[in-house]
Amino acid sequence: MPFHIGDTHLDPPPESRLGALKFSAGPDPTLYRYAPPKGNAAFIDTVLEKIHTDNKMEWAGTDNIQITCGATHALSCALRTVLNHGEQILLLAPHWPLIRGISLSLGARPVEVPFSHVLLRQEAPDTEALLENFISPDTAAIYMSTPNNPDGKVYTLEELEVIARVAQKNNLWVISDEVYEKFTFDDREHLSIANLPGMAERTLTVFSFSKSYAMPGLRVGYLIGPTGATIAVRKMSNHTIYAVPRAMQRAALAAMEHGAGFLVDARATYESARDLAYERVKAPCAKPEGCTYLFLDLTDWCRPGEDSALGVLERFAEAGLLLAPGSAFGHLYNKWARMCYTSVSREQLENGIERLNRVLEIC
């Protein structure tokens, strides 16, 4: 079972599926033409309306947005914009795996900062010290994710205020990965750090339709930031993909126009899956506050002499279960693993958990 990849078993809203787009309006020759590099005007207008309403970024205008080929492309363009060769970027760990590789590919130096798992496990940690201890004269940016992939941490206003204070004190950019914004649980509120005083001018915020509307294969995302930085991001996008295909943008627009009910149902489905997985999986983890994963501590199942959980993961694989190795999320997590509880149906999830627990019983 594919518990290793961040995916969903849900289909996108019906109105946003490519077949519906193809047949509902008849032939459209413009779909075969280049899209504007910035993004289609109608799509941008709808995204900005959402940004104003849902994310409270009333300051954002058309010059503050770039449509991208998914969030991975947006994050790559963001890092290219704010990092010079040899500069450091703090990765609040455990972190999304690809951000480290993107940083290294640019000649930057990623520095992993144990962060969200500390906040989830310790009472009243010194949040500011967690960050300040890793800052050097070469530090240029902070990468954060809320809700966090892989452990599901949703940053509170107080925690975001600390990150903002450190960023302003040290003149740092913040790259805020908010692709799981629609999936917070237990009535928690998603907050965007760019809304805090003094942060709009130093924050690049990234969103994605892959997670919100279950369309990862269509590769549509967008970035919001200050005008000067967004112009630079646009240049990066223009020189890497030129433009996101018109058909993909139209599908994403249809999802925004017709997908409100889908978001409500998907959140309820994911929260129920979270509860099932958290209650039944016999490996310890913090209860996810959002996102779509359990981040499992497999230390007790590693055999003597094993310095990682790869042996446990191999035994899972032999049972037909694939989990993502914790080392991908930071060097401190070699004995951990990420399990995506939304990639399969509930029936398959129940079956997969039973098989996973049987492996743990005999390890």
Protein backbone atom coordinates (compact mmCIF):
# COMPACT_ATOMS: atom_id res chain seq x y z
CA MET A 1 0.00 0.00 0.00
CA PRO A 2 1.33 3.44 -0.92
CA PHE A 3 1.60 5.06 2.50
CA HIS A 4 4.91 6.63 1.42
CA ILE A 5 3.64 9.35 -0.90
CA GLY A 6 1.64 12.42 0.01
CA ASP A 7 -1.46 11.70 -2.03
CA THR A 8 -5.19 11.21 -1.67
CA HIS A 9 -7.65 8.53 -2.72
CA LEU A 10 -10.27 11.22 -3.39
CA ASP A 11 -11.07 12.48 -6.87
CA PRO A 12 -11.16 16.25 -7.53
CA PRO A 13 -14.49 18.11 -7.56
CA PRO A 14 -16.50 16.78 -10.53
CA GLU A 15 -16.66 20.15 -12.28
CA SER A 16 -12.85 20.42 -12.29
CA ARG A 17 -12.08 17.08 -13.90
CA LEU A 18 -10.58 17.31 -17.36
CA GLY A 19 -13.38 15.32 -18.98
CA ALA A 20 -16.00 17.72 -17.64
CA LEU A 21 -14.01 20.70 -18.88
CA LYS A 22 -13.65 19.16 -22.32
CA PHE A 23 -17.29 18.41 -22.95
CA SER A 24 -19.25 21.01 -21.02
CA ALA A 25 -18.21 24.05 -23.03
CA GLY A 26 -17.37 22.55 -26.41
CA PRO A 27 -14.10 22.94 -28.35
CA ASP A 28 -11.83 25.76 -27.23
CA PRO A 29 -8.85 26.47 -29.50
CA THR A 30 -7.29 28.82 -26.92
CA LEU A 31 -6.39 25.78 -24.80
CA TYR A 32 -3.66 25.02 -27.34
CA ARG A 33 -2.09 28.48 -27.18
CA TYR A 34 0.55 29.70 -24.73
CA ALA A 35 -0.86 30.99 -21.47
CA PRO A 36 0.30 34.35 -20.10
CA PRO A 37 3.51 33.68 -18.11
CA LYS A 38 2.00 35.34 -15.05
CA GLY A 39 -1.17 33.25 -15.22
CA ASN A 40 -4.62 33.53 -16.79
CA ALA A 41 -6.34 36.76 -15.76
CA ALA A 42 -9.62 35.18 -14.62
CA PHE A 43 -7.74 32.58 -12.60
CA ILE A 44 -5.55 35.21 -10.96
CA ASP A 45 -8.59 37.29 -10.02
CA THR A 46 -10.26 34.30 -8.37
CA VAL A 47 -7.08 33.33 -6.52
CA LEU A 48 -6.69 36.88 -5.22
CA GLU A 49 -10.29 36.90 -4.01
CA LYS A 50 -9.52 33.70 -2.07
CA ILE A 51 -6.26 35.17 -0.71
CA HIS A 52 -8.12 38.24 0.53
CA THR A 53 -10.99 36.30 2.08
CA ASP A 54 -9.38 33.12 3.41
CA ASN A 55 -5.81 34.21 4.11
CA LYS A 56 -6.59 37.83 5.06
CA MET A 57 -3.88 39.17 2.72
CA GLU A 58 -5.86 42.25 1.72
CA TRP A 59 -2.63 43.93 0.63
CA ALA A 60 -2.07 41.49 -2.24
CA GLY A 61 -2.78 42.60 -5.83
CA THR A 62 -2.10 41.20 -9.27
CA ASP A 63 1.57 42.19 -9.03
CA ASN A 64 1.93 40.03 -5.90
CA ILE A 65 0.99 36.69 -7.44
CA GLN A 66 2.61 34.14 -9.72
CA ILE A 67 0.86 31.01 -10.97
CA THR A 68 3.31 28.10 -10.87
CA CYS A 69 3.68 24.49 -11.91
CA GLY A 70 2.73 23.17 -8.48
CA ALA A 71 4.17 24.17 -5.12
CA THR A 72 7.52 22.49 -5.82
CA HIS A 73 8.10 24.87 -8.73
CA ALA A 74 6.95 27.83 -6.63
CA LEU A 75 9.36 26.94 -3.83
CA SER A 76 12.22 26.45 -6.24
CA CYS A 77 11.61 29.88 -7.76
CA ALA A 78 11.29 31.41 -4.28
CA LEU A 79 14.64 30.04 -3.14
CA ARG A 80 16.31 31.14 -6.37
CA THR A 81 14.99 34.62 -5.67
CA VAL A 82 16.14 35.07 -2.06
CA LEU A 83 19.29 32.91 -1.76
CA ASN A 84 22.79 33.53 -3.07
CA HIS A 85 25.42 30.85 -3.48
CA GLY A 86 26.82 29.85 -0.09
CA GLU A 87 24.08 31.46 1.98
CA GLN A 88 22.24 29.47 4.62
CA ILE A 89 18.55 28.69 4.86
CA LEU A 90 17.10 27.39 8.11
CA LEU A 91 14.80 24.41 7.56
CA LEU A 92 12.38 24.04 10.45
CA ALA A 93 12.55 20.30 11.01
CA PRO A 94 11.23 17.80 10.44
CA HIS A 95 10.78 19.36 7.01
CA TRP A 96 9.35 18.57 3.58
CA PRO A 97 12.07 16.46 1.92
CA LEU A 98 12.50 18.25 -1.39
CA ILE A 99 13.36 21.62 0.15
CA ARG A 100 16.79 20.35 1.13
CA GLY A 101 17.59 19.17 -2.39
CA ILE A 102 16.32 22.40 -3.91
CA SER A 103 18.58 24.37 -1.56
CA LEU A 104 21.63 22.26 -2.39
CA SER A 105 20.98 22.50 -6.12
CA LEU A 106 21.26 26.28 -5.85
CA GLY A 107 24.56 26.15 -3.99
CA ALA A 108 22.90 27.25 -0.75
CA ARG A 109 23.51 25.57 2.60
CA PRO A 110 20.44 24.09 4.31
CA VAL A 111 20.63 24.07 8.12
CA GLU A 112 18.16 21.79 9.87
CA VAL A 113 16.59 23.28 13.00
CA PRO A 114 14.76 20.86 15.34
CA PHE A 115 11.53 22.77 15.73
CA SER A 116 7.99 21.50 15.20
CA HIS A 117 8.57 18.16 16.94
CA VAL A 118 9.96 20.10 19.94
CA LEU A 119 6.84 22.28 20.03
CA LEU A 120 4.62 19.20 19.84
CA ARG A 121 6.40 17.34 22.65
CA GLN A 122 7.64 19.93 25.14
CA GLU A 123 5.64 22.23 27.35
CA ALA A 124 6.61 25.89 27.03
CA PRO A 125 9.86 25.50 25.02
CA ASP A 126 11.96 28.60 24.36
CA THR A 127 10.82 28.94 20.76
CA GLU A 128 13.01 31.93 20.02
CA ALA A 129 16.14 30.18 21.28
CA LEU A 130 15.38 27.18 19.06
CA LEU A 131 15.88 29.49 16.08
CA GLU A 132 18.52 31.91 17.32
CA ASN A 133 20.92 29.07 18.19
CA PHE A 134 21.25 28.25 14.47
CA ILE A 135 21.52 31.73 12.98
CA SER A 136 24.87 32.86 11.59
CA PRO A 137 26.02 35.85 9.51
CA ASP A 138 25.40 33.70 6.42
CA THR A 139 21.75 32.98 7.23
CA ALA A 140 19.42 34.52 4.66
CA ALA A 141 16.06 32.77 5.04
CA ILE A 142 13.80 30.50 7.06
CA TYR A 143 11.70 27.75 5.48
CA MET A 144 8.60 26.74 7.40
CA SER A 145 5.49 24.70 6.68
CA THR A 146 2.10 24.99 8.38
CA PRO A 147 0.38 22.58 8.73
CA ASN A 148 3.75 20.89 8.77
CA ASN A 149 4.70 17.99 6.54
CA PRO A 150 5.47 15.41 8.05
CA ASP A 151 4.28 15.77 11.67
CA GLY A 152 1.09 17.79 11.25
CA LYS A 153 2.07 20.71 13.48
CA VAL A 154 -0.15 23.78 12.99
CA TYR A 155 1.63 26.90 14.16
CA THR A 156 -0.25 29.13 16.57
CA LEU A 157 -0.31 32.91 16.41
CA GLU A 158 2.18 33.08 19.29
CA GLU A 159 4.58 30.71 17.54
CA LEU A 160 4.31 32.60 14.26
CA GLU A 161 4.99 35.84 16.12
CA VAL A 162 8.26 34.38 17.42
CA ILE A 163 9.33 33.31 13.92
CA ALA A 164 8.41 36.77 12.63
CA ARG A 165 10.36 38.49 15.40
CA VAL A 166 13.48 36.44 14.68
CA ALA A 167 13.16 37.04 10.94
CA GLN A 168 12.86 40.79 11.37
CA LYS A 169 15.62 40.99 13.98
CA ASN A 170 18.04 39.16 11.68
CA ASN A 171 16.76 40.58 8.38
CA LEU A 172 15.72 37.17 7.04
CA TRP A 173 13.30 36.12 4.35
CA VAL A 174 10.57 33.64 5.29
CA ILE A 175 9.46 30.98 2.83
CA SER A 176 6.06 29.87 4.10
CA ASP A 177 4.80 26.57 2.68
CA GLU A 178 1.04 26.50 3.26
CA VAL A 179 -0.07 23.81 0.84
CA TYR A 180 -2.06 21.99 3.55
CA GLU A 181 -3.89 25.13 4.67
CA LYS A 182 -7.34 23.58 4.15
CA PHE A 183 -6.67 20.60 6.37
CA THR A 184 -6.44 21.64 10.00
CA PHE A 185 -8.22 19.53 12.61
CA ASP A 186 -9.98 19.90 15.96
CA ASP A 187 -11.23 23.38 15.02
CA ARG A 188 -7.73 24.80 14.68
CA GLU A 189 -7.31 27.88 12.49
CA HIS A 190 -4.76 28.17 9.73
CA LEU A 191 -2.84 31.44 9.94
CA SER A 192 -0.50 32.99 7.37
CA ILE A 193 2.66 34.57 8.76
CA ALA A 194 2.66 37.16 5.96
CA ASN A 195 -0.23 38.90 7.73
CA LEU A 196 1.80 39.74 10.84
CA PRO A 197 3.17 43.29 11.14
CA GLY A 198 6.32 43.78 9.09
CA MET A 199 6.12 40.37 7.40
CA ALA A 200 4.38 41.05 4.07
CA GLU A 201 7.57 42.59 2.72
CA ARG A 202 9.78 39.64 3.69
CA THR A 203 7.56 36.58 3.15
CA LEU A 204 6.97 34.41 0.10
CA THR A 205 3.92 32.21 0.67
CA VAL A 206 3.22 29.13 -1.42
CA PHE A 207 -0.07 27.31 -1.99
CA SER A 208 -1.08 24.31 -4.10
CA PHE A 209 -4.11 22.71 -5.71
CA SER A 210 -2.42 19.31 -5.35
CA LYS A 211 -3.47 19.06 -1.72
CA SER A 212 -6.52 21.33 -1.40
CA TYR A 213 -8.45 19.97 -4.37
CA ALA A 214 -6.90 16.51 -4.90
CA MET A 215 -5.27 17.29 -8.22
CA PRO A 216 -1.53 16.66 -7.79
CA GLY A 217 -1.21 15.36 -11.33
CA LEU A 218 -2.30 18.68 -12.83
CA ARG A 219 0.62 20.60 -11.25
CA VAL A 220 -0.93 23.94 -10.35
CA GLY A 221 0.19 26.16 -7.49
CA TYR A 222 0.79 29.82 -6.79
CA LEU A 223 3.04 32.15 -4.85
CA ILE A 224 2.19 35.38 -3.04
CA GLY A 225 4.88 37.89 -2.08
CA PRO A 226 6.06 41.50 -2.13
CA THR A 227 6.07 43.07 -5.57
CA GLY A 228 9.82 43.20 -6.16
CA ALA A 229 10.37 39.60 -5.10
CA THR A 230 7.38 38.37 -7.07
CA ILE A 231 8.70 40.04 -10.23
CA ALA A 232 11.94 38.11 -9.70
CA VAL A 233 9.97 34.90 -9.12
CA ARG A 234 8.11 35.56 -12.37
CA LYS A 235 11.42 35.76 -14.22
CA MET A 236 12.50 32.44 -12.67
CA SER A 237 9.19 30.87 -13.68
CA ASN A 238 9.39 32.33 -17.18
CA HIS A 239 12.85 30.85 -17.70
CA THR A 240 11.96 27.39 -16.36
CA ILE A 241 8.44 26.51 -17.54
CA TYR A 242 7.36 29.70 -19.36
CA ALA A 243 3.73 29.24 -18.29
CA VAL A 244 1.35 26.80 -16.66
CA PRO A 245 -0.90 25.19 -19.34
CA ARG A 246 -4.25 26.91 -19.84
CA ALA A 247 -6.18 23.65 -19.41
CA MET A 248 -4.61 23.01 -16.00
CA GLN A 249 -5.39 26.54 -14.85
CA ARG A 250 -8.97 26.17 -16.04
CA ALA A 251 -9.34 22.95 -14.03
CA ALA A 252 -8.00 24.69 -10.93
CA LEU A 253 -10.34 27.62 -11.49
CA ALA A 254 -13.30 25.25 -11.74
CA ALA A 255 -12.25 23.66 -8.47
CA MET A 256 -12.27 27.05 -6.77
CA GLU A 257 -15.64 27.95 -8.27
CA HIS A 258 -17.39 24.67 -7.45
CA GLY A 259 -15.29 22.97 -4.76
CA ALA A 260 -16.49 24.46 -1.47
CA GLY A 261 -18.45 21.34 -0.61
CA PHE A 262 -15.53 19.16 -1.63
CA LEU A 263 -13.26 20.95 0.87
CA VAL A 264 -15.74 20.41 3.70
CA ASP A 265 -16.14 16.73 2.90
CA ALA A 266 -12.43 16.16 2.34
CA ARG A 267 -11.51 17.76 5.66
CA ALA A 268 -14.02 15.55 7.49
CA THR A 269 -12.75 12.46 5.66
CA TYR A 270 -9.13 13.25 6.45
CA GLU A 271 -9.82 14.07 10.08
CA SER A 272 -11.64 10.77 10.50
CA ALA A 273 -8.72 8.96 8.86
CA ARG A 274 -6.33 10.83 11.18
CA ASP A 275 -8.29 9.67 14.21
CA LEU A 276 -8.35 6.05 13.02
CA ALA A 277 -4.63 5.96 12.23
CA TYR A 278 -3.55 7.76 15.39
CA GLU A 279 -5.66 5.52 17.64
CA ARG A 280 -4.68 2.20 16.06
CA VAL A 281 -1.07 2.43 14.87
CA LYS A 282 1.12 0.97 17.64
CA ALA A 283 4.20 3.11 16.99
CA PRO A 284 4.38 6.39 18.94
CA CYS A 285 3.80 9.76 17.31
CA ALA A 286 2.42 13.16 18.19
CA LYS A 287 -1.24 13.60 17.29
CA PRO A 288 -1.32 15.53 14.00
CA GLU A 289 -3.01 18.91 14.26
CA GLY A 290 -3.42 19.05 10.49
CA CYS A 291 -1.92 17.78 7.24
CA THR A 292 -2.28 14.12 6.15
CA TYR A 293 0.46 12.14 7.90
CA LEU A 294 1.58 10.32 11.01
CA PHE A 295 5.28 10.79 11.78
CA LEU A 296 6.18 7.56 13.55
CA ASP A 297 9.06 7.01 15.96
CA LEU A 298 10.33 3.49 15.17
CA THR A 299 13.33 3.60 17.51
CA ASP A 300 12.06 0.76 19.69
CA TRP A 301 11.76 -1.53 16.66
CA CYS A 302 15.27 -0.97 15.32
CA ARG A 303 17.47 -3.96 16.01
CA PRO A 304 20.78 -3.66 17.91
CA GLY A 305 23.41 -2.08 15.71
CA GLU A 306 20.89 -0.52 13.31
CA ASP A 307 21.40 3.24 13.04
CA SER A 308 18.21 3.79 11.04
CA ALA A 309 14.71 2.42 10.57
CA LEU A 310 15.49 1.05 7.12
CA GLY A 311 15.37 -2.49 8.44
CA VAL A 312 11.88 -1.89 9.82
CA LEU A 313 10.83 -0.26 6.55
CA GLU A 314 12.09 -3.28 4.63
CA ARG A 315 9.96 -5.53 6.82
CA PHE A 316 6.98 -3.26 6.15
CA ALA A 317 7.70 -3.52 2.42
CA GLU A 318 7.76 -7.30 2.63
CA ALA A 319 4.24 -7.02 4.07
CA GLY A 320 3.19 -4.85 1.13
CA LEU A 321 3.42 -1.51 2.97
CA LEU A 322 5.53 1.42 1.80
CA LEU A 323 6.38 4.24 4.23
CA ALA A 324 8.71 7.21 3.69
CA PRO A 325 12.02 6.99 5.61
CA GLY A 326 12.41 9.58 8.33
CA SER A 327 15.90 10.52 7.18
CA ALA A 328 14.29 12.34 4.24
CA PHE A 329 12.79 14.83 6.71
CA GLY A 330 16.00 15.67 8.56
CA HIS A 331 19.19 14.07 9.81
CA LEU A 332 17.77 13.63 13.32
CA TYR A 333 14.99 11.33 12.13
CA ASN A 334 16.82 8.26 10.83
CA LYS A 335 14.71 6.04 13.06
CA TRP A 336 11.41 7.61 12.09
CA ALA A 337 9.00 7.12 9.18
CA ARG A 338 6.13 9.05 7.64
CA MET A 339 2.82 7.36 6.94
CA CYS A 340 0.22 9.05 4.70
CA TYR A 341 -3.25 8.08 5.92
CA THR A 342 -5.13 9.73 3.03
CA SER A 343 -3.55 7.88 0.11
CA VAL A 344 -5.94 4.91 0.37
CA SER A 345 -9.61 4.32 1.15
CA ARG A 346 -10.75 3.79 4.71
CA GLU A 347 -11.12 0.05 4.18
CA GLN A 348 -7.60 -0.15 2.81
CA LEU A 349 -6.33 2.03 5.65
CA GLU A 350 -7.80 -0.31 8.24
CA ASN A 351 -6.27 -3.30 6.50
CA GLY A 352 -2.91 -1.56 6.15
CA ILE A 353 -2.82 -0.62 9.83
CA GLU A 354 -3.53 -4.23 10.82
CA ARG A 355 -0.64 -5.42 8.65
CA LEU A 356 1.65 -2.69 9.95
CA ASN A 357 0.89 -3.61 13.57
CA ARG A 358 1.54 -7.30 12.86
CA VAL A 359 5.00 -6.38 11.57
CA LEU A 360 5.65 -4.34 14.70
CA GLU A 361 4.58 -7.24 16.89
CA ILE A 362 7.18 -9.55 15.42
CA CYS A 363 10.05 -7.06 15.00
